[in-house]
Amino acid sequence: MDAPTAAPGCGCGKHIVLVHGACLGGWSWFKVATPLRAAGYRVDAPDLAASGVDPRPLREVPTFRDYTQPLLDLLASLPDGHRVVLVGHSLGGVNVALAAETFPDKVAAVVFLCAFMPDCAARPSHVMEKFVEGKWLDLMDTEMKPQDAEGKLPTSMMFGPRIIREKFFQLCSPEDLTLAASLLRVSSMFVEDLVLQQPYTQERYGSVRKVYIVCTEDHAIVDKFQRWMVENNPVDEVKEIVADHVVMLSRPDELVRCLTDVADKYA
C-alpha cells in the first residue's frame, strides 16, 4: 500500500497536535504525522503521562490532569498568538477538551476523532458514564484492576488481544496488530477523578471551534454513540471516514485529508 500523501508544501507551518487514546502513545500517529510534516505542517504527537515512552508507571499518575500534563506543558511553551489544531482520539477527546479549557487562546480548533467529547453542562466524566451505563461496548478480555487497596488511585485498564482484534483494530493489517501488541501500555479512564471535576466552561472550552470525525465502522465507540455526543454538544462541522476505531492506522490517507481540510479552514 502506498503511504498516505498530502499536497507538498501546503501546510505553511500550521501546527497540528495529535493526542492518543488510552493504552496507546504518540507512536500510534506515525502514518499520519509523517505525511503531514512532509506537506509543511508542524506536527507534535506527545506521549501523555505513563504512555508511549514516558517513563512513569501509571501509579505515579493519580489524576487526569497529571495524565494530561505533557500536553498542557506543550501548549504552555507556545508563544502568545500561536494557535494549534488539537486532535484527540478516543479518550484523547477529554484530554484535548481539558487543554482547550486551560488554553483557549492557543487553540484554533479541536478535532474529536471517534472520541469522547464532553459538553459544558455536565462533569467531564458524563459521556463516559453514559457509555458504560448504556453497555455500548462489551469489554471482553479487557483487564480492569484497582491499583491500591484504599481506592485512591484510578482503576487501571489494559485491553486484551481479543477486544483489540475484534473491536479496535478489525480493519487494520496484521502488522499493525503486531506493532500494537508490543507497544500498548496499562492505562486508565480516570473516571474516579473526572467525576469530581467541574464542567468545562462555555467561556473557555465552549468558545473553541470544534469538528467531530465520525468513524462509521468503529466497533468500540460505535457510530450511534458518536452521533449522540454530537447531538448532545453540537459542533461546527461533522466529517465521516469509513474506518474502525484505530483510524490513524487503518485509514491514514483519508484521515490526513480530513485533518488538512480542518487545518486549512480553521487555523
Protein backbone atom coordinates (compact mmCIF):
# COMPACT_ATOMS: atom_id res chain seq x y z
CA MET A 1 0.00 0.00 0.00
CA ASP A 2 1.28 3.46 -0.87
CA ALA A 3 1.99 5.84 2.00
CA PRO A 4 -0.70 8.47 2.64
CA THR A 5 0.01 11.75 0.93
CA ALA A 6 -0.95 15.39 1.19
CA ALA A 7 -0.15 18.11 -1.30
CA PRO A 8 3.52 19.03 -0.78
CA GLY A 9 4.23 22.29 0.97
CA CYS A 10 0.61 23.28 1.59
CA GLY A 11 0.82 23.30 5.38
CA CYS A 12 2.58 26.66 5.65
CA GLY A 13 3.78 25.79 9.14
CA LYS A 14 0.28 25.38 10.58
CA HIS A 15 0.56 23.45 13.83
CA ILE A 16 -1.34 20.21 14.47
CA VAL A 17 -1.11 18.39 17.81
CA LEU A 18 -2.17 14.73 17.76
CA VAL A 19 -3.32 13.27 21.09
CA HIS A 20 -3.56 9.50 21.50
CA GLY A 21 -6.14 7.44 23.36
CA ALA A 22 -5.86 5.17 26.39
CA CYS A 23 -3.18 2.46 26.30
CA LEU A 24 -1.71 3.95 23.10
CA GLY A 25 1.05 6.53 22.66
CA GLY A 26 2.34 9.12 20.24
CA TRP A 27 3.66 6.22 18.14
CA SER A 28 0.09 5.43 17.01
CA TRP A 29 0.10 8.53 14.76
CA PHE A 30 3.18 7.61 12.71
CA LYS A 31 1.26 7.02 9.46
CA VAL A 32 -0.44 10.42 9.81
CA ALA A 33 2.33 12.60 11.27
CA THR A 34 4.79 11.67 8.52
CA PRO A 35 2.76 12.88 5.50
CA LEU A 36 1.51 15.94 7.39
CA ARG A 37 5.08 17.01 8.11
CA ALA A 38 6.08 16.30 4.51
CA ALA A 39 3.27 18.64 3.43
CA GLY A 40 4.62 21.50 5.51
CA TYR A 41 2.60 21.19 8.71
CA ARG A 42 4.24 21.38 12.10
CA VAL A 43 3.16 18.22 13.95
CA ASP A 44 3.51 17.12 17.55
CA ALA A 45 2.30 13.77 18.87
CA PRO A 46 3.19 13.83 22.56
CA ASP A 47 3.13 10.84 24.85
CA LEU A 48 0.76 11.51 27.73
CA ALA A 49 1.93 10.54 31.21
CA ALA A 50 2.61 6.80 31.67
CA SER A 51 2.05 6.29 27.93
CA GLY A 52 4.30 5.53 24.97
CA VAL A 53 7.90 6.09 26.04
CA ASP A 54 7.02 8.26 29.04
CA PRO A 55 8.95 6.54 31.86
CA ARG A 56 6.37 6.96 34.64
CA PRO A 57 4.30 3.98 35.76
CA LEU A 58 0.55 4.54 36.00
CA ARG A 59 0.62 4.58 39.81
CA GLU A 60 2.59 7.84 39.64
CA VAL A 61 -0.23 9.48 37.64
CA PRO A 62 -3.11 9.81 40.13
CA THR A 63 -5.29 12.37 38.32
CA PHE A 64 -6.49 13.09 34.82
CA ARG A 65 -4.67 16.44 34.87
CA ASP A 66 -1.45 14.62 35.76
CA TYR A 67 -2.10 12.28 32.82
CA THR A 68 -2.70 15.28 30.53
CA GLN A 69 0.26 17.32 31.82
CA PRO A 70 2.62 16.64 28.87
CA LEU A 71 0.02 18.12 26.52
CA LEU A 72 -0.58 21.09 28.83
CA ASP A 73 3.17 21.68 29.07
CA LEU A 74 3.45 21.67 25.29
CA LEU A 75 0.73 24.32 24.94
CA ALA A 76 2.18 26.39 27.80
CA SER A 77 5.51 26.51 25.96
CA LEU A 78 3.99 28.10 22.85
CA PRO A 79 4.32 31.87 22.42
CA ASP A 80 1.33 34.17 22.72
CA GLY A 81 -0.59 34.34 19.49
CA HIS A 82 0.44 30.85 18.39
CA ARG A 83 -2.60 28.63 17.86
CA VAL A 84 -2.83 24.92 17.18
CA VAL A 85 -5.32 22.41 15.87
CA LEU A 86 -5.80 19.84 18.63
CA VAL A 87 -6.80 16.33 17.55
CA GLY A 88 -7.98 13.91 20.23
CA HIS A 89 -8.57 10.21 19.56
CA SER A 90 -10.85 8.11 21.79
CA LEU A 91 -10.16 9.07 25.44
CA GLY A 92 -7.87 11.75 23.99
CA GLY A 93 -11.02 13.76 23.33
CA VAL A 94 -11.22 14.54 27.04
CA ASN A 95 -7.52 15.48 27.09
CA VAL A 96 -7.96 17.99 24.27
CA ALA A 97 -11.12 19.35 25.93
CA LEU A 98 -9.13 20.00 29.13
CA ALA A 99 -6.37 21.60 27.07
CA ALA A 100 -8.90 23.88 25.33
CA GLU A 101 -10.40 24.80 28.71
CA THR A 102 -6.93 25.65 30.03
CA PHE A 103 -5.55 27.44 26.94
CA PRO A 104 -8.50 28.55 24.76
CA ASP A 105 -6.47 31.36 23.18
CA LYS A 106 -3.91 28.84 21.89
CA VAL A 107 -6.44 26.57 20.18
CA ALA A 108 -7.66 27.31 16.65
CA ALA A 109 -9.90 24.23 16.63
CA VAL A 110 -10.43 20.96 18.44
CA VAL A 111 -10.97 17.79 16.41
CA PHE A 112 -12.65 14.84 18.12
CA LEU A 113 -11.67 11.66 16.26
CA CYS A 114 -14.16 8.91 17.23
CA ALA A 115 -13.53 10.39 20.65
CA PHE A 116 -15.30 11.06 23.92
CA MET A 117 -16.47 14.68 23.75
CA PRO A 118 -17.50 16.48 26.96
CA ASP A 119 -20.12 19.22 26.97
CA CYS A 120 -20.32 22.35 29.14
CA ALA A 121 -23.35 21.26 31.15
CA ALA A 122 -22.09 18.14 32.92
CA ARG A 123 -18.89 16.98 34.58
CA PRO A 124 -16.19 15.74 32.17
CA SER A 125 -16.90 12.11 33.05
CA HIS A 126 -20.53 12.35 31.90
CA VAL A 127 -20.13 10.97 28.38
CA MET A 128 -18.05 8.05 29.65
CA GLU A 129 -20.61 7.32 32.36
CA LYS A 130 -23.36 7.28 29.71
CA PHE A 131 -21.20 4.97 27.58
CA VAL A 132 -20.78 2.49 30.43
CA GLU A 133 -24.40 2.73 31.59
CA GLY A 134 -25.66 2.09 28.08
CA LYS A 135 -23.43 -1.00 27.72
CA TRP A 136 -22.25 0.24 24.35
CA LEU A 137 -19.11 -1.92 24.43
CA ASP A 138 -18.54 -5.50 25.54
CA LEU A 139 -15.20 -5.22 27.34
CA MET A 140 -14.39 -8.88 26.53
CA ASP A 141 -10.86 -9.62 27.75
CA THR A 142 -10.07 -6.10 28.98
CA GLU A 143 -8.43 -6.19 32.42
CA MET A 144 -9.73 -3.59 34.88
CA LYS A 145 -7.92 -3.67 38.23
CA PRO A 146 -7.70 -1.49 41.35
CA GLN A 147 -4.21 -0.08 41.81
CA ASP A 148 -4.37 0.25 45.60
CA ALA A 149 -6.41 -1.14 48.48
CA GLU A 150 -7.57 2.31 49.58
CA GLY A 151 -9.05 3.21 46.19
CA LYS A 152 -7.13 6.50 46.00
CA LEU A 153 -5.68 5.70 42.58
CA PRO A 154 -7.73 5.29 39.40
CA THR A 155 -8.67 1.83 38.19
CA SER A 156 -6.11 0.50 35.73
CA MET A 157 -7.12 -0.79 32.31
CA MET A 158 -5.42 -2.96 29.72
CA PHE A 159 -7.04 -4.16 26.53
CA GLY A 160 -6.69 -7.87 25.77
CA PRO A 161 -5.86 -9.42 22.40
CA ARG A 162 -9.45 -10.36 21.56
CA ILE A 163 -11.01 -6.92 22.07
CA ILE A 164 -8.10 -5.32 20.22
CA ARG A 165 -8.61 -7.62 17.25
CA GLU A 166 -12.43 -7.58 17.14
CA LYS A 167 -13.43 -4.11 18.39
CA PHE A 168 -10.49 -1.73 17.86
CA PHE A 169 -8.26 -2.94 15.02
CA GLN A 170 -10.62 -5.06 12.92
CA LEU A 171 -9.74 -3.20 9.69
CA CYS A 172 -6.02 -2.90 10.46
CA SER A 173 -3.27 -5.01 8.96
CA PRO A 174 -1.72 -7.96 10.82
CA GLU A 175 1.47 -5.86 11.03
CA ASP A 176 -0.42 -3.07 12.81
CA LEU A 177 -1.80 -5.60 15.28
CA THR A 178 1.67 -6.95 15.95
CA LEU A 179 3.02 -3.43 16.50
CA ALA A 180 0.20 -2.54 18.88
CA ALA A 181 0.58 -5.75 20.87
CA SER A 182 4.21 -4.84 21.56
CA LEU A 183 3.59 -1.17 22.44
CA LEU A 184 0.29 -0.98 24.34
CA ARG A 185 0.62 0.02 27.99
CA VAL A 186 -1.60 -0.21 31.04
CA SER A 187 -3.69 2.95 31.33
CA SER A 188 -6.90 4.23 32.92
CA MET A 189 -10.11 6.05 32.02
CA PHE A 190 -9.64 8.19 35.18
CA VAL A 191 -13.39 8.24 35.78
CA GLU A 192 -12.89 8.31 39.56
CA ASP A 193 -11.08 11.64 39.19
CA LEU A 194 -13.13 13.13 36.35
CA VAL A 195 -16.39 12.60 38.24
CA LEU A 196 -15.10 15.07 40.86
CA GLN A 197 -14.30 17.84 38.37
CA GLN A 198 -16.49 20.80 37.46
CA PRO A 199 -17.91 21.05 33.92
CA TYR A 200 -15.69 22.79 31.38
CA THR A 201 -16.92 26.34 30.82
CA GLN A 202 -18.81 27.84 27.92
CA GLU A 203 -16.48 30.86 28.02
CA ARG A 204 -13.32 28.79 27.52
CA TYR A 205 -13.73 25.24 26.14
CA GLY A 206 -17.18 26.09 24.84
CA SER A 207 -15.89 29.03 22.79
CA VAL A 208 -13.38 26.97 20.78
CA ARG A 209 -14.27 25.79 17.25
CA LYS A 210 -14.99 22.05 17.15
CA VAL A 211 -15.02 19.35 14.47
CA TYR A 212 -16.13 15.76 15.01
CA ILE A 213 -14.84 12.98 12.74
CA VAL A 214 -17.19 10.00 12.89
CA CYS A 215 -15.66 6.61 12.11
CA THR A 216 -18.59 4.64 10.76
CA GLU A 217 -17.13 1.13 11.25
CA ASP A 218 -15.94 1.78 14.80
CA HIS A 219 -16.89 -1.23 16.97
CA ALA A 220 -15.51 0.38 20.16
CA ILE A 221 -17.13 3.84 20.37
CA VAL A 222 -19.83 2.94 17.88
CA ASP A 223 -21.25 5.27 15.21
CA LYS A 224 -24.54 5.76 17.07
CA PHE A 225 -22.83 6.85 20.28
CA GLN A 226 -20.50 9.19 18.41
CA ARG A 227 -23.55 10.85 16.83
CA TRP A 228 -25.30 11.06 20.20
CA MET A 229 -22.33 13.05 21.54
CA VAL A 230 -22.59 15.44 18.59
CA GLU A 231 -26.34 15.89 19.26
CA ASN A 232 -25.57 16.45 22.93
CA ASN A 233 -22.85 19.02 22.18
CA PRO A 234 -23.23 20.45 18.63
CA VAL A 235 -20.03 21.18 16.73
CA ASP A 236 -19.06 23.43 13.82
CA GLU A 237 -18.58 20.56 11.41
CA VAL A 238 -19.00 16.78 11.20
CA LYS A 239 -16.87 14.64 8.89
CA GLU A 240 -17.05 10.90 8.26
CA ILE A 241 -14.50 8.20 7.48
CA VAL A 242 -15.36 4.57 6.80
CA ALA A 243 -12.91 3.19 9.34
CA ASP A 244 -12.52 1.21 12.53
CA HIS A 245 -11.57 2.76 15.87
CA VAL A 246 -7.85 2.98 15.14
CA VAL A 247 -8.40 5.04 12.00
CA MET A 248 -4.89 6.53 12.07
CA LEU A 249 -3.53 3.05 11.31
CA SER A 250 -6.31 1.55 9.17
CA ARG A 251 -7.24 4.59 7.04
CA PRO A 252 -4.41 7.13 7.36
CA ASP A 253 -4.84 8.58 3.87
CA GLU A 254 -8.46 9.59 4.48
CA LEU A 255 -7.57 10.96 7.91
CA VAL A 256 -4.71 13.06 6.53
CA ARG A 257 -7.13 14.62 4.04
CA CYS A 258 -9.63 15.40 6.80
CA LEU A 259 -7.01 16.98 9.03
CA THR A 260 -5.51 19.11 6.27
CA ASP A 261 -9.02 20.33 5.42
CA VAL A 262 -9.62 21.28 9.06
CA ALA A 263 -6.24 22.95 9.50
CA ASP A 264 -6.58 24.94 6.28
CA LYS A 265 -10.11 26.07 7.23
CA TYR A 266 -9.72 26.90 10.91
CA ALA A 267 -6.02 27.56 11.62
